[in-house]
Structures are given as C-alpha cells and as structure tokens.
Amino acid sequence: ELKGKTTADLELIGSSPLITQIRTKIARIAPTNSRVLISGPSG
C-alpha cells in the first residue's frame, strides 16, 4: 500500500483550531463502524 508514497503523507500536521477540531472528530469517529464522507478541496 505504501509503495510510491512518501512518509510526509502519513501524519496530520498543524496546531490551528481547524486542524485541532479535525483531530478531535477523527478520535471520536474512528472507533465506530460508521461510514464517513470527507469533503474538501484537492490537496
């Protein structure tokens, strides 16, 4: 799976309020079995 990928793609970097909120949501959603739709600009 990781062939061709750089290690720079494997961590969520930043400490802004927006990225902190996303980390919080990930921690809440991950243990569930719910389907997730991620939206946002490319990149």
PDB file of all heavy atoms in Angstrom:
ATOM      1  N   GLU A   1       0.825  -1.210   0.000  1.00  0.00           N
ATOM      2  CA  GLU A   1       0.000   0.000   0.000  1.00  0.00           C
ATOM      3  C   GLU A   1       0.858   1.257   0.000  1.00  0.00           C
ATOM      4  O   GLU A   1       0.507   2.267  -0.622  1.00  0.00           O
ATOM      5  CB  GLU A   1      -0.910   0.022   1.226  1.00  0.00           C
ATOM      6  CG  GLU A   1      -2.003  -1.036   1.215  1.00  0.00           C
ATOM      7  CD  GLU A   1      -2.650  -1.187   2.579  1.00  0.00           C
ATOM      8  OE1 GLU A   1      -2.431  -0.311   3.430  1.00  0.00           O
ATOM      9  OE2 GLU A   1      -3.366  -2.180   2.789  1.00  0.00           O
ATOM     10  N   LEU A   2       2.001   1.214   0.684  1.00  0.00           N
ATOM     11  CA  LEU A   2       2.801   2.412   0.874  1.00  0.00           C
ATOM     12  C   LEU A   2       3.849   2.619  -0.206  1.00  0.00           C
ATOM     13  O   LEU A   2       4.552   3.621  -0.203  1.00  0.00           O
ATOM     14  CB  LEU A   2       3.499   2.363   2.245  1.00  0.00           C
ATOM     15  CG  LEU A   2       2.553   2.324   3.442  1.00  0.00           C
ATOM     16  CD1 LEU A   2       3.345   2.222   4.726  1.00  0.00           C
ATOM     17  CD2 LEU A   2       1.659   3.540   3.462  1.00  0.00           C
ATOM     18  N   LYS A   3       3.972   1.677  -1.140  1.00  0.00           N
ATOM     19  CA  LYS A   3       4.928   1.856  -2.229  1.00  0.00           C
ATOM     20  C   LYS A   3       4.562   3.110  -3.011  1.00  0.00           C
ATOM     21  O   LYS A   3       3.439   3.324  -3.405  1.00  0.00           O
ATOM     22  CB  LYS A   3       4.920   0.647  -3.168  1.00  0.00           C
ATOM     23  CG  LYS A   3       5.728  -0.531  -2.639  1.00  0.00           C
ATOM     24  CD  LYS A   3       5.724  -1.675  -3.642  1.00  0.00           C
ATOM     25  CE  LYS A   3       6.558  -2.846  -3.112  1.00  0.00           C
ATOM     26  NZ  LYS A   3       6.512  -3.991  -4.050  1.00  0.00           N
ATOM     27  N   GLY A   4       5.562   3.924  -3.291  1.00  0.00           N
ATOM     28  CA  GLY A   4       5.306   5.133  -4.056  1.00  0.00           C
ATOM     29  C   GLY A   4       4.812   6.295  -3.220  1.00  0.00           C
ATOM     30  O   GLY A   4       4.643   7.396  -3.722  1.00  0.00           O
ATOM     31  N   LYS A   5       4.554   6.055  -1.931  1.00  0.00           N
ATOM     32  CA  LYS A   5       4.104   7.147  -1.071  1.00  0.00           C
ATOM     33  C   LYS A   5       5.275   7.634  -0.224  1.00  0.00           C
ATOM     34  O   LYS A   5       6.158   6.872   0.110  1.00  0.00           O
ATOM     35  CB  LYS A   5       2.958   6.685  -0.158  1.00  0.00           C
ATOM     36  CG  LYS A   5       1.705   6.290  -0.913  1.00  0.00           C
ATOM     37  CD  LYS A   5       0.614   5.902   0.080  1.00  0.00           C
ATOM     38  CE  LYS A   5      -0.632   5.467  -0.662  1.00  0.00           C
ATOM     39  NZ  LYS A   5      -1.245   6.577  -1.402  1.00  0.00           N
ATOM     40  N   THR A   6       5.279   8.918   0.108  1.00  0.00           N
ATOM     41  CA  THR A   6       6.315   9.452   0.974  1.00  0.00           C
ATOM     42  C   THR A   6       5.827   9.436   2.416  1.00  0.00           C
ATOM     43  O   THR A   6       4.633   9.510   2.690  1.00  0.00           O
ATOM     44  CB  THR A   6       6.655  10.905   0.587  1.00  0.00           C
ATOM     45  OG1 THR A   6       5.514  11.719   0.839  1.00  0.00           O
ATOM     46  CG2 THR A   6       7.020  11.002  -0.875  1.00  0.00           C
ATOM     47  N   THR A   7       6.778   9.357   3.329  1.00  0.00           N
ATOM     48  CA  THR A   7       6.398   9.361   4.745  1.00  0.00           C
ATOM     49  C   THR A   7       5.764  10.682   5.152  1.00  0.00           C
ATOM     50  O   THR A   7       5.097  10.757   6.172  1.00  0.00           O
ATOM     51  CB  THR A   7       7.640   9.106   5.625  1.00  0.00           C
ATOM     52  OG1 THR A   7       8.652  10.049   5.261  1.00  0.00           O
ATOM     53  CG2 THR A   7       8.158   7.713   5.427  1.00  0.00           C
ATOM     54  N   ALA A   8       5.989  11.739   4.348  1.00  0.00           N
ATOM     55  CA  ALA A   8       5.385  13.035   4.663  1.00  0.00           C
ATOM     56  C   ALA A   8       3.878  13.026   4.509  1.00  0.00           C
ATOM     57  O   ALA A   8       3.206  13.977   4.900  1.00  0.00           O
ATOM     58  CB  ALA A   8       5.979  14.122   3.762  1.00  0.00           C
ATOM     59  N   ASP A   9       3.332  11.957   3.936  1.00  0.00           N
ATOM     60  CA  ASP A   9       1.889  11.888   3.725  1.00  0.00           C
ATOM     61  C   ASP A   9       1.171  11.155   4.856  1.00  0.00           C
ATOM     62  O   ASP A   9      -0.026  10.904   4.741  1.00  0.00           O
ATOM     63  CB  ASP A   9       1.585  11.166   2.402  1.00  0.00           C
ATOM     64  CG  ASP A   9       2.099  11.935   1.209  1.00  0.00           C
ATOM     65  OD1 ASP A   9       2.067  13.167   1.253  1.00  0.00           O
ATOM     66  OD2 ASP A   9       2.544  11.297   0.244  1.00  0.00           O
ATOM     67  N   LEU A  10       1.875  10.758   5.906  1.00  0.00           N
ATOM     68  CA  LEU A  10       1.286   9.860   6.877  1.00  0.00           C
ATOM     69  C   LEU A  10       0.950  10.495   8.224  1.00  0.00           C
ATOM     70  O   LEU A  10       0.546   9.800   9.141  1.00  0.00           O
ATOM     71  CB  LEU A  10       2.233   8.666   7.109  1.00  0.00           C
ATOM     72  CG  LEU A  10       2.580   7.879   5.848  1.00  0.00           C
ATOM     73  CD1 LEU A  10       3.525   6.749   6.182  1.00  0.00           C
ATOM     74  CD2 LEU A  10       1.338   7.362   5.164  1.00  0.00           C
ATOM     75  N   GLU A  11       1.138  11.790   8.366  1.00  0.00           N
ATOM     76  CA  GLU A  11       0.802  12.445   9.627  1.00  0.00           C
ATOM     77  C   GLU A  11      -0.018  13.700   9.373  1.00  0.00           C
ATOM     78  O   GLU A  11       0.135  14.359   8.348  1.00  0.00           O
ATOM     79  CB  GLU A  11       2.077  12.821  10.399  1.00  0.00           C
ATOM     80  CG  GLU A  11       2.862  11.626  10.913  1.00  0.00           C
ATOM     81  CD  GLU A  11       4.002  12.048  11.819  1.00  0.00           C
ATOM     82  OE1 GLU A  11       3.818  12.993  12.616  1.00  0.00           O
ATOM     83  OE2 GLU A  11       5.073  11.454  11.715  1.00  0.00           O
ATOM     84  N   LEU A  12      -0.884  14.012  10.313  1.00  0.00           N
ATOM     85  CA  LEU A  12      -1.709  15.215  10.241  1.00  0.00           C
ATOM     86  C   LEU A  12      -0.978  16.310  11.016  1.00  0.00           C
ATOM     87  O   LEU A  12      -0.874  16.254  12.236  1.00  0.00           O
ATOM     88  CB  LEU A  12      -3.082  14.944  10.847  1.00  0.00           C
ATOM     89  CG  LEU A  12      -4.207  15.907  10.514  1.00  0.00           C
ATOM     90  CD1 LEU A  12      -4.463  15.955   9.022  1.00  0.00           C
ATOM     91  CD2 LEU A  12      -5.479  15.519  11.255  1.00  0.00           C
ATOM     92  N   ILE A  13      -0.444  17.305  10.301  1.00  0.00           N
ATOM     93  CA  ILE A  13       0.431  18.308  10.897  1.00  0.00           C
ATOM     94  C   ILE A  13      -0.307  19.626  11.063  1.00  0.00           C
ATOM     95  O   ILE A  13      -1.050  20.054  10.178  1.00  0.00           O
ATOM     96  CB  ILE A  13       1.680  18.531  10.009  1.00  0.00           C
ATOM     97  CG1 ILE A  13       2.443  17.216   9.828  1.00  0.00           C
ATOM     98  CG2 ILE A  13       2.590  19.593  10.620  1.00  0.00           C
ATOM     99  CD1 ILE A  13       2.941  16.605  11.113  1.00  0.00           C
ATOM    100  N   GLY A  14      -0.087  20.275  12.195  1.00  0.00           N
ATOM    101  CA  GLY A  14      -0.654  21.592  12.452  1.00  0.00           C
ATOM    102  C   GLY A  14      -1.246  21.672  13.843  1.00  0.00           C
ATOM    103  O   GLY A  14      -1.594  20.656  14.448  1.00  0.00           O
ATOM    104  N   SER A  15      -1.366  22.894  14.342  1.00  0.00           N
ATOM    105  CA  SER A  15      -1.947  23.102  15.669  1.00  0.00           C
ATOM    106  C   SER A  15      -2.999  24.204  15.652  1.00  0.00           C
ATOM    107  O   SER A  15      -3.376  24.712  16.706  1.00  0.00           O
ATOM    108  CB  SER A  15      -0.833  23.452  16.670  1.00  0.00           C
ATOM    109  OG  SER A  15      -0.042  24.527  16.195  1.00  0.00           O
ATOM    110  N   SER A  16      -3.467  24.582  14.469  1.00  0.00           N
ATOM    111  CA  SER A  16      -4.507  25.600  14.363  1.00  0.00           C
ATOM    112  C   SER A  16      -5.820  25.059  14.905  1.00  0.00           C
ATOM    113  O   SER A  16      -6.008  23.840  15.013  1.00  0.00           O
ATOM    114  CB  SER A  16      -4.683  26.005  12.898  1.00  0.00           C
ATOM    115  OG  SER A  16      -5.160  24.897  12.137  1.00  0.00           O
ATOM    116  N   PRO A  17      -6.760  25.945  15.254  1.00  0.00           N
ATOM    117  CA  PRO A  17      -8.065  25.470  15.746  1.00  0.00           C
ATOM    118  C   PRO A  17      -8.765  24.530  14.765  1.00  0.00           C
ATOM    119  O   PRO A  17      -9.380  23.543  15.176  1.00  0.00           O
ATOM    120  CB  PRO A  17      -8.857  26.776  15.935  1.00  0.00           C
ATOM    121  CG  PRO A  17      -7.811  27.812  16.188  1.00  0.00           C
ATOM    122  CD  PRO A  17      -6.640  27.420  15.353  1.00  0.00           C
ATOM    123  N   LEU A  18      -8.666  24.815  13.454  1.00  0.00           N
ATOM    124  CA  LEU A  18      -9.337  23.977  12.470  1.00  0.00           C
ATOM    125  C   LEU A  18      -8.779  22.557  12.466  1.00  0.00           C
ATOM    126  O   LEU A  18      -9.528  21.569  12.435  1.00  0.00           O
ATOM    127  CB  LEU A  18      -9.195  24.592  11.073  1.00  0.00           C
ATOM    128  CG  LEU A  18     -10.090  25.799  10.769  1.00  0.00           C
ATOM    129  CD1 LEU A  18      -9.731  26.393   9.416  1.00  0.00           C
ATOM    130  CD2 LEU A  18     -11.557  25.405  10.799  1.00  0.00           C
ATOM    131  N   ILE A  19      -7.460  22.431  12.489  1.00  0.00           N
ATOM    132  CA  ILE A  19      -6.856  21.101  12.427  1.00  0.00           C
ATOM    133  C   ILE A  19      -7.037  20.379  13.761  1.00  0.00           C
ATOM    134  O   ILE A  19      -7.168  19.152  13.803  1.00  0.00           O
ATOM    135  CB  ILE A  19      -5.368  21.192  12.021  1.00  0.00           C
ATOM    136  CG1 ILE A  19      -4.984  19.990  11.146  1.00  0.00           C
ATOM    137  CG2 ILE A  19      -4.440  21.273  13.200  1.00  0.00           C
ATOM    138  CD1 ILE A  19      -5.590  20.005   9.792  1.00  0.00           C
ATOM    139  N   THR A  20      -7.071  21.119  14.849  1.00  0.00           N
ATOM    140  CA  THR A  20      -7.329  20.520  16.160  1.00  0.00           C
ATOM    141  C   THR A  20      -8.736  19.946  16.221  1.00  0.00           C
ATOM    142  O   THR A  20      -8.961  18.851  16.767  1.00  0.00           O
ATOM    143  CB  THR A  20      -7.131  21.564  17.270  1.00  0.00           C
ATOM    144  OG1 THR A  20      -5.782  22.072  17.210  1.00  0.00           O
ATOM    145  CG2 THR A  20      -7.367  20.949  18.638  1.00  0.00           C
ATOM    146  N   GLN A  21      -9.701  20.667  15.652  1.00  0.00           N
ATOM    147  CA  GLN A  21     -11.078  20.169  15.611  1.00  0.00           C
ATOM    148  C   GLN A  21     -11.173  18.881  14.793  1.00  0.00           C
ATOM    149  O   GLN A  21     -11.900  17.949  15.164  1.00  0.00           O
ATOM    150  CB  GLN A  21     -11.995  21.239  15.011  1.00  0.00           C
ATOM    151  CG  GLN A  21     -12.237  22.429  15.911  1.00  0.00           C
ATOM    152  CD  GLN A  21     -12.990  23.551  15.206  1.00  0.00           C
ATOM    153  OE1 GLN A  21     -13.543  23.357  14.122  1.00  0.00           O
ATOM    154  NE2 GLN A  21     -13.000  24.723  15.813  1.00  0.00           N
ATOM    155  N   ILE A  22     -10.433  18.822  13.691  1.00  0.00           N
ATOM    156  CA  ILE A  22     -10.460  17.613  12.858  1.00  0.00           C
ATOM    157  C   ILE A  22      -9.884  16.430  13.630  1.00  0.00           C
ATOM    158  O   ILE A  22     -10.430  15.323  13.586  1.00  0.00           O
ATOM    159  CB  ILE A  22      -9.685  17.848  11.547  1.00  0.00           C
ATOM    160  CG1 ILE A  22     -10.480  18.786  10.645  1.00  0.00           C
ATOM    161  CG2 ILE A  22      -9.418  16.524  10.822  1.00  0.00           C
ATOM    162  CD1 ILE A  22      -9.791  19.125   9.350  1.00  0.00           C
ATOM    163  N   ARG A  23      -8.784  16.641  14.345  1.00  0.00           N
ATOM    164  CA  ARG A  23      -8.206  15.558  15.150  1.00  0.00           C
ATOM    165  C   ARG A  23      -9.223  15.046  16.178  1.00  0.00           C
ATOM    166  O   ARG A  23      -9.335  13.843  16.401  1.00  0.00           O
ATOM    167  CB  ARG A  23      -6.952  16.048  15.868  1.00  0.00           C
ATOM    168  CG  ARG A  23      -5.722  16.159  14.997  1.00  0.00           C
ATOM    169  CD  ARG A  23      -4.463  16.138  15.858  1.00  0.00           C
ATOM    170  NE  ARG A  23      -3.331  16.584  15.087  1.00  0.00           N
ATOM    171  CZ  ARG A  23      -2.899  17.849  15.024  1.00  0.00           C
ATOM    172  NH1 ARG A  23      -3.535  18.792  15.711  1.00  0.00           N
ATOM    173  NH2 ARG A  23      -1.863  18.182  14.307  1.00  0.00           N
ATOM    174  N   THR A  24      -9.921  15.974  16.806  1.00  0.00           N
ATOM    175  CA  THR A  24     -10.931  15.589  17.801  1.00  0.00           C
ATOM    176  C   THR A  24     -12.030  14.759  17.164  1.00  0.00           C
ATOM    177  O   THR A  24     -12.455  13.727  17.712  1.00  0.00           O
ATOM    178  CB  THR A  24     -11.535  16.846  18.460  1.00  0.00           C
ATOM    179  OG1 THR A  24     -10.487  17.601  19.083  1.00  0.00           O
ATOM    180  CG2 THR A  24     -12.560  16.464  19.511  1.00  0.00           C
ATOM    181  N   LYS A  25     -12.494  15.169  15.994  1.00  0.00           N
ATOM    182  CA  LYS A  25     -13.546  14.434  15.297  1.00  0.00           C
ATOM    183  C   LYS A  25     -13.053  13.049  14.875  1.00  0.00           C
ATOM    184  O   LYS A  25     -13.786  12.064  14.985  1.00  0.00           O
ATOM    185  CB  LYS A  25     -14.021  15.223  14.076  1.00  0.00           C
ATOM    186  CG  LYS A  25     -14.825  16.461  14.422  1.00  0.00           C
ATOM    187  CD  LYS A  25     -15.283  17.192  13.162  1.00  0.00           C
ATOM    188  CE  LYS A  25     -16.100  18.430  13.502  1.00  0.00           C
ATOM    189  NZ  LYS A  25     -16.513  19.170  12.278  1.00  0.00           N
ATOM    190  N   ILE A  26     -11.822  12.962  14.393  1.00  0.00           N
ATOM    191  CA  ILE A  26     -11.258  11.671  13.991  1.00  0.00           C
ATOM    192  C   ILE A  26     -11.242  10.716  15.183  1.00  0.00           C
ATOM    193  O   ILE A  26     -11.620   9.549  15.067  1.00  0.00           O
ATOM    194  CB  ILE A  26      -9.839  11.850  13.413  1.00  0.00           C
ATOM    195  CG1 ILE A  26      -9.904  12.545  12.047  1.00  0.00           C
ATOM    196  CG2 ILE A  26      -9.124  10.507  13.286  1.00  0.00           C
ATOM    197  CD1 ILE A  26      -8.546  12.904  11.486  1.00  0.00           C
ATOM    198  N   ALA A  27     -10.800  11.226  16.344  1.00  0.00           N
ATOM    199  CA  ALA A  27     -10.726  10.387  17.544  1.00  0.00           C
ATOM    200  C   ALA A  27     -12.105   9.876  17.960  1.00  0.00           C
ATOM    201  O   ALA A  27     -12.242   8.753  18.452  1.00  0.00           O
ATOM    202  CB  ALA A  27     -10.086  11.173  18.690  1.00  0.00           C
ATOM    203  N   ARG A  28     -13.144  10.686  17.731  1.00  0.00           N
ATOM    204  CA  ARG A  28     -14.494  10.272  18.105  1.00  0.00           C
ATOM    205  C   ARG A  28     -15.088   9.296  17.098  1.00  0.00           C
ATOM    206  O   ARG A  28     -15.791   8.347  17.455  1.00  0.00           O
ATOM    207  CB  ARG A  28     -15.401  11.507  18.225  1.00  0.00           C
ATOM    208  CG  ARG A  28     -15.090  12.386  19.426  1.00  0.00           C
ATOM    209  CD  ARG A  28     -15.990  13.606  19.429  1.00  0.00           C
ATOM    210  NE  ARG A  28     -15.723  14.477  20.576  1.00  0.00           N
ATOM    211  CZ  ARG A  28     -16.286  15.674  20.749  1.00  0.00           C
ATOM    212  NH1 ARG A  28     -17.136  16.129  19.841  1.00  0.00           N
ATOM    213  NH2 ARG A  28     -15.996  16.403  21.804  1.00  0.00           N
ATOM    214  N   ILE A  29     -14.839   9.549  15.817  1.00  0.00           N
ATOM    215  CA  ILE A  29     -15.470   8.766  14.758  1.00  0.00           C
ATOM    216  C   ILE A  29     -14.773   7.429  14.536  1.00  0.00           C
ATOM    217  O   ILE A  29     -15.423   6.420  14.257  1.00  0.00           O
ATOM    218  CB  ILE A  29     -15.488   9.581  13.447  1.00  0.00           C
ATOM    219  CG1 ILE A  29     -16.358  10.830  13.606  1.00  0.00           C
ATOM    220  CG2 ILE A  29     -15.997   8.735  12.278  1.00  0.00           C
ATOM    221  CD1 ILE A  29     -16.251  11.792  12.441  1.00  0.00           C
ATOM    222  N   ALA A  30     -13.449   7.402  14.666  1.00  0.00           N
ATOM    223  CA  ALA A  30     -12.654   6.216  14.291  1.00  0.00           C
ATOM    224  C   ALA A  30     -13.136   4.925  14.946  1.00  0.00           C
ATOM    225  O   ALA A  30     -13.274   3.902  14.256  1.00  0.00           O
ATOM    226  CB  ALA A  30     -11.183   6.466  14.593  1.00  0.00           C
ATOM    227  N   PRO A  31     -13.408   4.889  16.259  1.00  0.00           N
ATOM    228  CA  PRO A  31     -13.790   3.605  16.883  1.00  0.00           C
ATOM    229  C   PRO A  31     -15.153   3.089  16.448  1.00  0.00           C
ATOM    230  O   PRO A  31     -15.478   1.927  16.673  1.00  0.00           O
ATOM    231  CB  PRO A  31     -13.794   3.937  18.385  1.00  0.00           C
ATOM    232  CG  PRO A  31     -13.019   5.196  18.528  1.00  0.00           C
ATOM    233  CD  PRO A  31     -13.262   5.947  17.261  1.00  0.00           C
ATOM    234  N   THR A  32     -15.959   3.944  15.835  1.00  0.00           N
ATOM    235  CA  THR A  32     -17.271   3.498  15.376  1.00  0.00           C
ATOM    236  C   THR A  32     -17.119   2.770  14.050  1.00  0.00           C
ATOM    237  O   THR A  32     -16.060   2.781  13.438  1.00  0.00           O
ATOM    238  CB  THR A  32     -18.233   4.679  15.200  1.00  0.00           C
ATOM    239  OG1 THR A  32     -17.846   5.428  14.039  1.00  0.00           O
ATOM    240  CG2 THR A  32     -18.203   5.583  16.411  1.00  0.00           C
ATOM    241  N   ASN A  33     -18.199   2.170  13.613  1.00  0.00           N
ATOM    242  CA  ASN A  33     -18.180   1.496  12.315  1.00  0.00           C
ATOM    243  C   ASN A  33     -18.908   2.328  11.264  1.00  0.00           C
ATOM    244  O   ASN A  33     -19.241   1.834  10.190  1.00  0.00           O
ATOM    245  CB  ASN A  33     -18.831   0.110  12.421  1.00  0.00           C
ATOM    246  CG  ASN A  33     -18.397  -0.810  11.322  1.00  0.00           C
ATOM    247  OD1 ASN A  33     -17.253  -0.787  10.879  1.00  0.00           O
ATOM    248  ND2 ASN A  33     -19.310  -1.626  10.822  1.00  0.00           N
ATOM    249  N   SER A  34     -19.147   3.596  11.572  1.00  0.00           N
ATOM    250  CA  SER A  34     -19.945   4.456  10.702  1.00  0.00           C
ATOM    251  C   SER A  34     -19.214   4.780   9.409  1.00  0.00           C
ATOM    252  O   SER A  34     -17.979   4.913   9.381  1.00  0.00           O
ATOM    253  CB  SER A  34     -20.285   5.767  11.421  1.00  0.00           C
ATOM    254  OG  SER A  34     -21.034   5.514  12.589  1.00  0.00           O
ATOM    255  N   ARG A  35     -19.993   4.948   8.346  1.00  0.00           N
ATOM    256  CA  ARG A  35     -19.428   5.404   7.081  1.00  0.00           C
ATOM    257  C   ARG A  35     -19.124   6.898   7.189  1.00  0.00           C
ATOM    258  O   ARG A  35     -19.839   7.649   7.853  1.00  0.00           O
ATOM    259  CB  ARG A  35     -20.402   5.134   5.932  1.00  0.00           C
ATOM    260  CG  ARG A  35     -20.550   3.660   5.623  1.00  0.00           C
ATOM    261  CD  ARG A  35     -21.454   3.422   4.434  1.00  0.00           C
ATOM    262  NE  ARG A  35     -22.855   3.622   4.760  1.00  0.00           N
ATOM    263  CZ  ARG A  35     -23.644   2.698   5.293  1.00  0.00           C
ATOM    264  NH1 ARG A  35     -23.163   1.494   5.562  1.00  0.00           N
ATOM    265  NH2 ARG A  35     -24.909   2.955   5.538  1.00  0.00           N
ATOM    266  N   VAL A  36     -18.045   7.329   6.528  1.00  0.00           N
ATOM    267  CA  VAL A  36     -17.590   8.710   6.620  1.00  0.00           C
ATOM    268  C   VAL A  36     -17.449   9.280   5.214  1.00  0.00           C
ATOM    269  O   VAL A  36     -16.883   8.621   4.335  1.00  0.00           O
ATOM    270  CB  VAL A  36     -16.237   8.812   7.359  1.00  0.00           C
ATOM    271  CG1 VAL A  36     -15.808  10.265   7.495  1.00  0.00           C
ATOM    272  CG2 VAL A  36     -16.313   8.137   8.727  1.00  0.00           C
ATOM    273  N   LEU A  37     -17.957  10.493   5.010  1.00  0.00           N
ATOM    274  CA  LEU A  37     -17.762  11.217   3.753  1.00  0.00           C
ATOM    275  C   LEU A  37     -16.882  12.422   4.040  1.00  0.00           C
ATOM    276  O   LEU A  37     -17.263  13.317   4.792  1.00  0.00           O
ATOM    277  CB  LEU A  37     -19.105  11.658   3.163  1.00  0.00           C
ATOM    278  CG  LEU A  37     -19.034  12.517   1.899  1.00  0.00           C
ATOM    279  CD1 LEU A  37     -18.339  11.757   0.767  1.00  0.00           C
ATOM    280  CD2 LEU A  37     -20.420  12.973   1.458  1.00  0.00           C
ATOM    281  N   ILE A  38     -15.688  12.437   3.451  1.00  0.00           N
ATOM    282  CA  ILE A  38     -14.731  13.519   3.657  1.00  0.00           C
ATOM    283  C   ILE A  38     -14.804  14.443   2.448  1.00  0.00           C
ATOM    284  O   ILE A  38     -14.611  13.999   1.307  1.00  0.00           O
ATOM    285  CB  ILE A  38     -13.296  12.976   3.813  1.00  0.00           C
ATOM    286  CG1 ILE A  38     -13.253  11.887   4.891  1.00  0.00           C
ATOM    287  CG2 ILE A  38     -12.330  14.097   4.148  1.00  0.00           C
ATOM    288  CD1 ILE A  38     -11.944  11.121   4.926  1.00  0.00           C
ATOM    289  N   SER A  39     -15.078  15.704   2.688  1.00  0.00           N
ATOM    290  CA  SER A  39     -15.154  16.669   1.593  1.00  0.00           C
ATOM    291  C   SER A  39     -14.132  17.770   1.805  1.00  0.00           C
ATOM    292  O   SER A  39     -13.719  18.057   2.929  1.00  0.00           O
ATOM    293  CB  SER A  39     -16.561  17.261   1.502  1.00  0.00           C
ATOM    294  OG  SER A  39     -16.903  17.910   2.711  1.00  0.00           O
ATOM    295  N   GLY A  40     -13.718  18.383   0.697  1.00  0.00           N
ATOM    296  CA  GLY A  40     -12.745  19.463   0.787  1.00  0.00           C
ATOM    297  C   GLY A  40     -11.986  19.601  -0.507  1.00  0.00           C
ATOM    298  O   GLY A  40     -12.009  18.708  -1.362  1.00  0.00           O
ATOM    299  N   PRO A  41     -11.272  20.712  -0.670  1.00  0.00           N
ATOM    300  CA  PRO A  41     -10.523  20.941  -1.905  1.00  0.00           C
ATOM    301  C   PRO A  41      -9.439  19.896  -2.120  1.00  0.00           C
ATOM    302  O   PRO A  41      -8.997  19.231  -1.184  1.00  0.00           O
ATOM    303  CB  PRO A  41      -9.902  22.334  -1.689  1.00  0.00           C
ATOM    304  CG  PRO A  41     -10.669  22.950  -0.580  1.00  0.00           C
ATOM    305  CD  PRO A  41     -11.140  21.823   0.280  1.00  0.00           C
ATOM    306  N   SER A  42      -8.998  19.759  -3.357  1.00  0.00           N
ATOM    307  CA  SER A  42      -7.928  18.822  -3.683  1.00  0.00           C
ATOM    308  C   SER A  42      -6.640  19.235  -2.980  1.00  0.00           C
ATOM    309  O   SER A  42      -6.323  20.420  -2.873  1.00  0.00           O
ATOM    310  CB  SER A  42      -7.715  18.807  -5.206  1.00  0.00           C
ATOM    311  OG  SER A  42      -6.656  17.960  -5.557  1.00  0.00           O
ATOM    312  N   GLY A  43      -5.905  18.231  -2.479  1.00  0.00           N
ATOM    313  CA  GLY A  43      -4.622  18.509  -1.852  1.00  0.00           C
ATOM    314  C   GLY A  43      -4.681  18.844  -0.382  1.00  0.00           C
ATOM    315  O   GLY A  43      -3.680  19.269   0.205  1.00  0.00           O
TER     316      GLY A  43
END
